[in-house]
């Protein structure tokens, strides 16, 4: 059988962003605010990515040692959500060991609504339910084939930003990516209810635990902890979640593991009416591919707060590598704040493509820190400003003036790193 792939429609733009998640939505807004005609392509029905469809709706960290380090459209989105009754500012402390206390829990409905509004206001054309299928790169521009619900369509763009989290665009374009030998496990967010923990016996759970068919990393103590938190806090081994088949298997495995715990609970006295009253639309993935960039952020440079000559944003989160039975963490020393270099956003030898979000160029342990949401947002804004400048000046992305990137970032109220925080 011979298939003829008909292109239903064609469009052109200055900047196209693939992936409207944590990094991509702010890359698109930043590009548009910097004067670029911008299209945003998102695989889900709503923007926000991990923050929305995976329900990891508590971004951080925007502050370091009590001072704000990340601002711009991403912070505006947080403030708008809070001001509309969709969140509450936590107390800002000075202790990195209590970093999770400074994450800002946001109402998903309000936050998604704010993201749509901000895209409209900036002039971003948002196309959801669509994915990148093919790309052709030449000296002057890129041509992307996108698969939508109504068939294939083409976009000719001067510059593109890969904000897929998995470096899908970079891979399809033929640039090199790398993957850690042992990937961080994934998590399926959920909420449980329908019981009074005072009526549950820890001894009964321990007695029945040893003959139960439960996921390998769970202990009897975990099972009591989940009940207190009202959340089955799962770690699911993550393989090839950057592929459609691999992501499907991951989601199947995640739902199955939560189901096993749920069924175990139903046989415990006092838990006969337990319910899983919420589960995220997809499993939250911490790690897949990283680009091989023009420079690479190492864990040593990250934790020591090295200032790069092309630093475009701050980052402040400990090295936070999840393993099946715990977390490996390294914290910054007092008053040290990490920086992200622009060159880590550029795939090696790329002319027209930038990256933002968790797939930027970093080693295994640095990636466990730069993958967090506020940092992804900040790298998105930096990539958006740089892509807009490269498109305007018809430049190779490597040749964009650092001073012009800083000027563009400041114009959207983003914070540009200095050698010290003042």
Protein backbone atom coordinates (compact mmCIF):
# COMPACT_ATOMS: atom_id res chain seq x y z
CA UNK A 1 0.00 0.00 0.00
CA UNK A 2 1.35 3.40 -0.98
CA UNK A 3 0.59 6.30 1.33
CA UNK A 4 0.58 9.89 0.16
CA UNK A 5 1.16 12.26 3.06
CA UNK A 6 -0.85 15.33 2.25
CA UNK A 7 0.08 18.59 3.94
CA UNK A 8 -3.25 20.13 4.89
CA UNK A 9 -1.96 23.67 5.39
CA UNK A 10 1.23 25.68 5.67
CA UNK A 11 2.19 28.61 7.85
CA UNK A 12 5.29 30.64 8.57
CA UNK A 13 6.66 32.26 11.68
CA UNK A 14 9.78 33.74 13.21
CA UNK A 15 9.97 31.34 16.17
CA UNK A 16 8.26 28.01 16.74
CA UNK A 17 8.32 26.41 20.19
CA UNK A 18 7.77 22.66 20.40
CA UNK A 19 6.31 21.79 23.78
CA UNK A 20 4.04 24.11 25.76
CA UNK A 21 4.99 22.85 29.19
CA UNK A 22 6.93 24.35 32.07
CA UNK A 23 9.66 25.83 29.86
CA UNK A 24 7.94 26.09 26.49
CA UNK A 25 4.99 28.27 27.38
CA UNK A 26 7.34 30.93 28.78
CA UNK A 27 9.78 30.53 25.89
CA UNK A 28 6.91 31.37 23.56
CA UNK A 29 5.70 34.32 25.64
CA UNK A 30 9.25 35.69 25.93
CA UNK A 31 9.86 35.34 22.18
CA UNK A 32 6.60 37.10 21.35
CA UNK A 33 7.25 39.88 23.89
CA UNK A 34 10.68 40.32 22.27
CA UNK A 35 9.07 41.05 18.91
CA UNK A 36 8.98 37.65 17.21
CA UNK A 37 5.96 36.15 15.49
CA UNK A 38 5.60 32.97 17.54
CA UNK A 39 3.78 29.64 17.30
CA UNK A 40 3.56 27.24 20.24
CA UNK A 41 2.94 23.53 19.59
CA UNK A 42 1.71 21.42 22.53
CA UNK A 43 0.93 17.67 22.57
CA UNK A 44 -1.72 17.94 25.32
CA UNK A 45 -4.99 19.85 25.30
CA UNK A 46 -3.71 22.47 27.74
CA UNK A 47 -0.40 24.24 28.38
CA UNK A 48 1.65 23.82 31.54
CA UNK A 49 3.07 20.33 31.04
CA UNK A 50 4.26 18.69 34.23
CA UNK A 51 2.70 21.47 36.31
CA UNK A 52 -0.76 20.77 34.95
CA UNK A 53 -1.28 17.36 33.32
CA UNK A 54 1.11 15.63 35.77
CA UNK A 55 -0.20 17.71 38.72
CA UNK A 56 3.25 18.74 39.95
CA UNK A 57 1.60 22.11 40.57
CA UNK A 58 4.07 23.53 43.08
CA UNK A 59 6.85 25.33 41.18
CA UNK A 60 10.04 26.51 42.83
CA UNK A 61 12.45 27.94 43.61
CA UNK A 62 12.11 31.63 42.75
CA UNK A 63 14.07 32.84 45.77
CA UNK A 64 17.55 32.12 47.14
CA UNK A 65 18.73 33.14 50.58
CA UNK A 66 15.63 35.30 50.92
CA UNK A 67 16.14 37.23 47.65
CA UNK A 68 14.25 36.80 44.39
CA UNK A 69 16.38 35.29 41.64
CA UNK A 70 13.76 34.46 38.96
CA UNK A 71 11.30 37.00 37.60
CA UNK A 72 9.66 37.83 34.27
CA UNK A 73 6.54 36.34 32.64
CA UNK A 74 6.86 33.11 34.65
CA UNK A 75 6.69 34.99 37.94
CA UNK A 76 3.89 37.15 36.57
CA UNK A 77 1.93 33.94 35.86
CA UNK A 78 2.44 32.80 39.46
CA UNK A 79 1.39 36.19 40.83
CA UNK A 80 -1.69 36.35 38.61
CA UNK A 81 -2.73 32.88 39.74
CA UNK A 82 -2.32 33.83 43.40
CA UNK A 83 -4.17 37.12 42.93
CA UNK A 84 -7.09 35.25 41.34
CA UNK A 85 -7.40 32.99 44.38
CA UNK A 86 -5.46 30.11 42.84
CA UNK A 87 -2.55 29.96 45.25
CA UNK A 88 -0.87 31.29 48.35
CA UNK A 89 2.65 32.65 48.82
CA UNK A 90 4.65 30.64 51.34
CA UNK A 91 6.97 32.19 53.87
CA UNK A 92 10.37 32.81 52.28
CA UNK A 93 13.13 31.47 54.52
CA UNK A 94 16.91 31.33 54.34
CA UNK A 95 17.49 27.59 54.79
CA UNK A 96 18.05 25.54 51.61
CA UNK A 97 17.44 22.31 53.55
CA UNK A 98 13.80 23.45 53.85
CA UNK A 99 13.59 24.30 50.15
CA UNK A 100 10.26 22.55 49.55
CA UNK A 101 8.58 25.01 51.92
CA UNK A 102 9.15 27.74 49.31
CA UNK A 103 7.44 25.89 46.49
CA UNK A 104 4.20 27.61 45.55
CA UNK A 105 1.15 25.37 45.27
CA UNK A 106 -1.09 26.58 42.43
CA UNK A 107 -4.65 25.69 41.47
CA UNK A 108 -4.37 23.96 38.10
CA UNK A 109 -7.56 25.41 36.65
CA UNK A 110 -6.62 28.99 37.47
CA UNK A 111 -3.01 28.51 36.35
CA UNK A 112 -3.99 27.02 32.97
CA UNK A 113 -6.44 29.88 32.43
CA UNK A 114 -3.69 32.39 33.20
CA UNK A 115 -1.30 30.70 30.76
CA UNK A 116 -3.86 30.86 27.95
CA UNK A 117 -4.52 34.53 28.76
CA UNK A 118 -0.84 35.45 28.78
CA UNK A 119 -0.23 33.69 25.46
CA UNK A 120 -3.14 35.59 23.91
CA UNK A 121 -1.93 38.90 25.32
CA UNK A 122 1.61 38.36 24.01
CA UNK A 123 0.33 37.33 20.57
CA UNK A 124 1.43 33.68 20.73
CA UNK A 125 -0.49 31.37 18.39
CA UNK A 126 -1.13 28.26 20.49
CA UNK A 127 -1.86 24.95 18.75
CA UNK A 128 -2.59 22.09 21.15
CA UNK A 129 -3.15 18.38 20.47
CA UNK A 130 -0.24 18.40 18.03
CA UNK A 131 3.27 16.93 17.88
CA UNK A 132 6.44 17.32 15.85
CA UNK A 133 6.85 14.61 13.20
CA UNK A 134 9.68 15.75 10.94
CA UNK A 135 12.07 18.64 10.45
CA UNK A 136 14.26 19.87 7.63
CA UNK A 137 16.97 22.40 8.41
CA UNK A 138 18.82 24.52 5.87
CA UNK A 139 21.10 27.54 6.02
CA UNK A 140 18.28 30.07 6.34
CA UNK A 141 15.42 28.41 8.20
CA UNK A 142 13.62 25.24 9.26
CA UNK A 143 10.60 23.45 7.92
CA UNK A 144 8.69 21.39 10.47
CA UNK A 145 5.98 18.84 9.80
CA UNK A 146 3.45 18.73 12.61
CA UNK A 147 0.83 16.04 13.16
CA UNK A 148 -2.48 17.47 14.32
CA UNK A 149 -5.87 15.91 14.92
CA UNK A 150 -6.88 16.93 11.40
CA UNK A 151 -3.75 15.66 9.65
CA UNK A 152 -0.32 17.02 8.78
CA UNK A 153 0.58 20.68 8.54
CA UNK A 154 3.86 22.49 7.88
CA UNK A 155 5.52 25.39 9.64
CA UNK A 156 8.42 27.32 8.15
CA UNK A 157 10.32 29.07 10.95
CA UNK A 158 13.48 31.08 11.25
CA UNK A 159 14.27 29.56 14.65
CA UNK A 160 12.90 26.73 16.82
CA UNK A 161 12.99 25.95 20.52
CA UNK A 162 12.88 22.37 21.80
CA UNK A 163 10.92 22.45 25.06
CA UNK A 164 9.64 18.89 24.86
CA UNK A 165 11.53 17.80 27.99
CA UNK A 166 12.77 14.79 26.01
CA UNK A 167 14.75 16.63 23.32
CA UNK A 168 12.41 15.15 20.69
CA UNK A 169 12.94 17.99 18.21
CA UNK A 170 16.72 17.82 18.63
CA UNK A 171 16.69 14.07 18.04
CA UNK A 172 14.50 14.30 14.94
CA UNK A 173 16.80 17.03 13.59
CA UNK A 174 19.76 14.67 13.99
CA UNK A 175 21.65 16.32 16.84
CA UNK A 176 23.28 14.32 19.59
CA UNK A 177 21.61 13.60 22.92
CA UNK A 178 22.68 11.55 25.93
CA UNK A 179 20.91 9.66 28.68
CA UNK A 180 22.05 8.61 32.15
CA UNK A 181 22.69 4.90 32.61
CA UNK A 182 20.29 4.85 35.56
CA UNK A 183 17.37 7.24 35.15
CA UNK A 184 15.51 8.85 38.02
CA UNK A 185 12.18 7.15 38.75
CA UNK A 186 8.89 8.74 37.77
CA UNK A 187 5.89 9.58 39.96
CA UNK A 188 2.12 9.41 39.39
CA UNK A 189 0.45 12.10 41.51
CA UNK A 190 -2.71 11.02 43.32
CA UNK A 191 -4.88 11.65 46.37
CA UNK A 192 -6.63 9.16 48.66
CA UNK A 193 -9.57 9.62 51.04
CA UNK A 194 -12.52 7.79 52.64
CA UNK A 195 -10.93 6.68 55.90
CA UNK A 196 -9.99 7.79 59.40
CA UNK A 197 -6.36 6.89 60.11
CA UNK A 198 -7.18 6.60 63.81
CA UNK A 199 -9.11 3.45 62.92
CA UNK A 200 -6.21 1.85 61.04
CA UNK A 201 -3.82 -0.57 62.75
CA UNK A 202 -0.15 -0.26 61.81
CA UNK A 203 0.35 -3.77 63.20
CA UNK A 204 -2.23 -5.22 60.80
CA UNK A 205 -0.55 -3.47 57.87
CA UNK A 206 2.83 -4.90 58.90
CA UNK A 207 1.40 -8.39 59.35
CA UNK A 208 -0.25 -8.46 55.92
CA UNK A 209 2.57 -6.58 54.18
CA UNK A 210 4.98 -9.54 54.07
CA UNK A 211 2.66 -11.75 52.02
CA UNK A 212 1.43 -8.96 49.74
CA UNK A 213 2.30 -8.41 46.08
CA UNK A 214 3.49 -4.80 46.28
CA UNK A 215 6.07 -2.71 44.37
CA UNK A 216 9.67 -3.44 45.35
CA UNK A 217 10.53 -0.11 46.97
CA UNK A 218 7.56 0.00 49.39
CA UNK A 219 7.89 -0.82 53.09
CA UNK A 220 5.22 -1.23 55.75
CA UNK A 221 6.28 2.14 57.16
CA UNK A 222 5.70 3.68 53.73
CA UNK A 223 2.15 2.38 53.73
CA UNK A 224 1.36 4.18 56.99
CA UNK A 225 3.10 7.33 55.74
CA UNK A 226 0.96 7.37 52.59
CA UNK A 227 -2.19 7.26 54.71
CA UNK A 228 -1.02 10.22 56.78
CA UNK A 229 -0.18 12.24 53.65
CA UNK A 230 -3.30 11.00 51.80
CA UNK A 231 -1.10 10.18 48.84
CA UNK A 232 0.40 6.96 47.51
CA UNK A 233 3.89 8.38 46.91
CA UNK A 234 5.18 6.11 44.16
CA UNK A 235 8.58 5.76 42.48
CA UNK A 236 8.28 3.97 39.14
CA UNK A 237 11.33 2.78 37.22
CA UNK A 238 11.70 4.92 34.11
CA UNK A 239 13.06 3.55 30.85
CA UNK A 240 12.42 5.05 27.43
CA UNK A 241 9.80 7.63 28.38
CA UNK A 242 11.04 9.81 25.52
CA UNK A 243 9.29 7.47 23.06
CA UNK A 244 5.56 6.92 22.58
CA UNK A 245 5.85 3.20 23.32
CA UNK A 246 8.07 3.78 26.35
CA UNK A 247 5.82 6.47 27.81
CA UNK A 248 2.80 4.23 27.33
CA UNK A 249 4.50 1.41 29.24
CA UNK A 250 5.52 3.82 32.00
CA UNK A 251 1.96 5.08 32.47
CA UNK A 252 0.59 1.51 32.46
CA UNK A 253 3.16 0.50 35.07
CA UNK A 254 2.43 3.56 37.22
CA UNK A 255 -1.34 3.01 37.25
CA UNK A 256 -0.82 -0.69 37.97
CA UNK A 257 1.46 0.03 40.93
CA UNK A 258 -0.97 2.51 42.47
CA UNK A 259 -3.75 -0.02 41.93
CA UNK A 260 -1.78 -2.70 43.79
CA UNK A 261 -1.40 -0.47 46.84
CA UNK A 262 -5.06 0.54 46.65
CA UNK A 263 -6.18 -3.11 46.58
CA UNK A 264 -3.91 -3.93 49.53
CA UNK A 265 -5.44 -1.10 51.55
CA UNK A 266 -8.98 -2.32 50.84
CA UNK A 267 -8.23 -5.50 52.79
CA UNK A 268 -7.16 -3.60 55.92
CA UNK A 269 -9.66 -2.94 58.71
CA UNK A 270 -10.73 0.70 58.61
CA UNK A 271 -9.78 1.07 54.93
CA UNK A 272 -12.72 -0.80 53.41
CA UNK A 273 -14.02 2.46 51.89
CA UNK A 274 -10.72 4.01 50.85
CA UNK A 275 -10.89 5.85 47.53
CA UNK A 276 -8.42 7.20 45.03
CA UNK A 277 -10.34 10.42 44.42
CA UNK A 278 -7.74 11.99 42.13
CA UNK A 279 -5.01 10.78 39.81
CA UNK A 280 -2.99 12.92 37.39
CA UNK A 281 -3.59 12.60 33.66
CA UNK A 282 -0.05 11.37 33.12
CA UNK A 283 2.97 10.18 35.09
CA UNK A 284 5.48 12.87 36.00
CA UNK A 285 8.86 12.10 34.43
CA UNK A 286 11.98 13.53 36.05
CA UNK A 287 14.58 12.57 33.48
CA UNK A 288 15.03 11.27 29.94
CA UNK A 289 17.39 12.80 27.36
CA UNK A 290 19.78 15.70 27.64
CA UNK A 291 21.23 17.53 24.67
CA UNK A 292 24.95 17.50 24.01
CA UNK A 293 25.42 21.24 24.09
CA UNK A 294 27.99 23.86 23.21
CA UNK A 295 28.78 23.74 26.94
CA UNK A 296 27.75 21.39 29.73
CA UNK A 297 26.72 22.27 33.27
CA UNK A 298 28.56 20.00 35.70
CA UNK A 299 27.38 19.22 39.20
CA UNK A 300 30.55 20.74 40.62
CA UNK A 301 30.06 24.04 38.76
CA UNK A 302 26.38 24.06 39.64
CA UNK A 303 26.72 23.50 43.36
CA UNK A 304 29.65 25.96 43.59
CA UNK A 305 27.69 28.68 41.80
CA UNK A 306 30.20 29.20 38.97
CA UNK A 307 29.55 32.41 37.04
CA UNK A 308 29.74 31.78 33.30
CA UNK A 309 30.51 34.62 30.88
CA UNK A 310 27.18 33.86 29.17
CA UNK A 311 25.04 33.32 32.30
CA UNK A 312 21.38 33.95 31.42
CA UNK A 313 19.49 32.92 34.56
CA UNK A 314 19.88 31.78 38.13
CA UNK A 315 18.96 28.39 39.57
CA UNK A 316 18.60 27.48 43.21
CA UNK A 317 17.71 23.93 44.05
CA UNK A 318 19.89 21.27 45.62
CA UNK A 319 21.29 18.41 43.61
CA UNK A 320 18.24 16.21 44.08
CA UNK A 321 18.70 12.86 42.40
CA UNK A 322 15.84 10.49 43.15
CA UNK A 323 16.59 6.79 43.41
CA UNK A 324 14.12 3.97 44.01
CA UNK A 325 14.51 4.09 47.80
CA UNK A 326 15.41 7.66 48.57
CA UNK A 327 17.05 10.85 47.34
CA UNK A 328 20.71 11.81 46.93
CA UNK A 329 21.07 15.50 47.81
CA UNK A 330 23.84 18.10 47.89
CA UNK A 331 23.06 21.65 49.04
CA UNK A 332 24.60 24.99 48.14
CA UNK A 333 26.81 26.64 50.71
CA UNK A 334 25.52 29.85 52.25
CA UNK A 335 24.93 32.69 49.75
CA UNK A 336 25.92 30.50 46.78
CA UNK A 337 23.48 30.50 43.85
CA UNK A 338 23.86 28.50 40.63
CA UNK A 339 23.80 30.02 37.14
CA UNK A 340 22.81 28.65 33.73
CA UNK A 341 24.93 29.52 30.67
CA UNK A 342 23.33 30.32 27.32
CA UNK A 343 25.68 27.87 25.56
CA UNK A 344 24.08 24.98 27.52
CA UNK A 345 20.83 25.78 25.68
CA UNK A 346 22.44 25.27 22.25
CA UNK A 347 22.73 21.75 20.75
CA UNK A 348 26.28 21.25 19.53
CA UNK A 349 26.64 22.65 15.98
CA UNK A 350 23.03 23.87 15.84
CA UNK A 351 22.27 26.87 13.64
CA UNK A 352 18.59 27.45 14.28
CA UNK A 353 17.57 25.35 17.29
CA UNK A 354 17.71 26.15 21.00
CA UNK A 355 16.60 24.06 23.98
CA UNK A 356 14.89 24.94 27.24
CA UNK A 357 13.80 22.96 30.27
CA UNK A 358 15.08 19.71 31.70
CA UNK A 359 16.82 18.59 28.48
CA UNK A 360 19.47 21.36 28.52
CA UNK A 361 23.10 20.26 28.47
CA UNK A 362 24.11 19.07 31.94
CA UNK A 363 25.66 16.05 33.59
CA UNK A 364 23.63 13.46 35.50
CA UNK A 365 23.73 15.12 38.90
CA UNK A 366 23.46 18.72 37.69
CA UNK A 367 20.43 17.69 35.69
CA UNK A 368 18.69 16.54 38.87
CA UNK A 369 18.80 20.17 40.00
CA UNK A 370 18.22 22.14 36.79
CA UNK A 371 15.17 20.01 35.89
CA UNK A 372 12.97 21.72 38.50
CA UNK A 373 10.13 23.96 37.40
CA UNK A 374 11.28 27.50 38.22
CA UNK A 375 14.63 26.87 36.53
CA UNK A 376 12.87 25.37 33.49
CA UNK A 377 10.71 28.50 33.30
CA UNK A 378 13.80 30.73 33.46
CA UNK A 379 15.65 28.80 30.75
CA UNK A 380 12.51 29.05 28.63
CA UNK A 381 12.49 32.82 28.93
CA UNK A 382 16.20 32.99 28.02
CA UNK A 383 15.72 30.74 24.98
CA UNK A 384 12.69 32.75 23.87
CA UNK A 385 14.54 36.07 24.00
CA UNK A 386 17.59 34.64 22.22
CA UNK A 387 15.52 32.97 19.50
CA UNK A 388 13.66 36.22 18.83
CA UNK A 389 16.95 38.10 18.44
CA UNK A 390 18.43 35.40 16.19
CA UNK A 391 15.31 35.48 14.01
CA UNK A 392 15.29 39.27 13.81
CA UNK A 393 18.96 39.44 12.81
CA UNK A 394 18.97 36.25 10.68
CA UNK A 395 21.78 34.93 12.86
CA UNK A 396 23.11 31.56 13.85
CA UNK A 397 21.87 31.01 17.43
CA UNK A 398 25.49 30.78 18.62
CA UNK A 399 26.23 34.28 17.34
CA UNK A 400 23.53 36.16 19.21
CA UNK A 401 25.10 38.91 21.30
CA UNK A 402 25.12 38.09 24.99
CA UNK A 403 24.61 41.73 25.86
CA UNK A 404 21.55 41.83 23.60
CA UNK A 405 20.13 38.70 25.27
CA UNK A 406 20.59 40.36 28.66
CA UNK A 407 18.91 43.53 27.38
CA UNK A 408 15.96 41.51 26.03
CA UNK A 409 15.62 39.58 29.30
CA UNK A 410 15.60 42.77 31.32
CA UNK A 411 12.94 44.20 28.99
CA UNK A 412 10.56 41.40 30.05
CA UNK A 413 11.53 41.91 33.70
CA UNK A 414 13.64 38.75 33.95
CA UNK A 415 16.64 38.75 36.30
CA UNK A 416 20.07 38.47 34.67
CA UNK A 417 22.83 36.89 36.79
CA UNK A 418 25.68 38.85 38.29
CA UNK A 419 28.83 37.59 39.94
CA UNK A 420 27.17 38.21 43.27
CA UNK A 421 23.54 38.70 44.30
CA UNK A 422 22.93 42.27 45.40
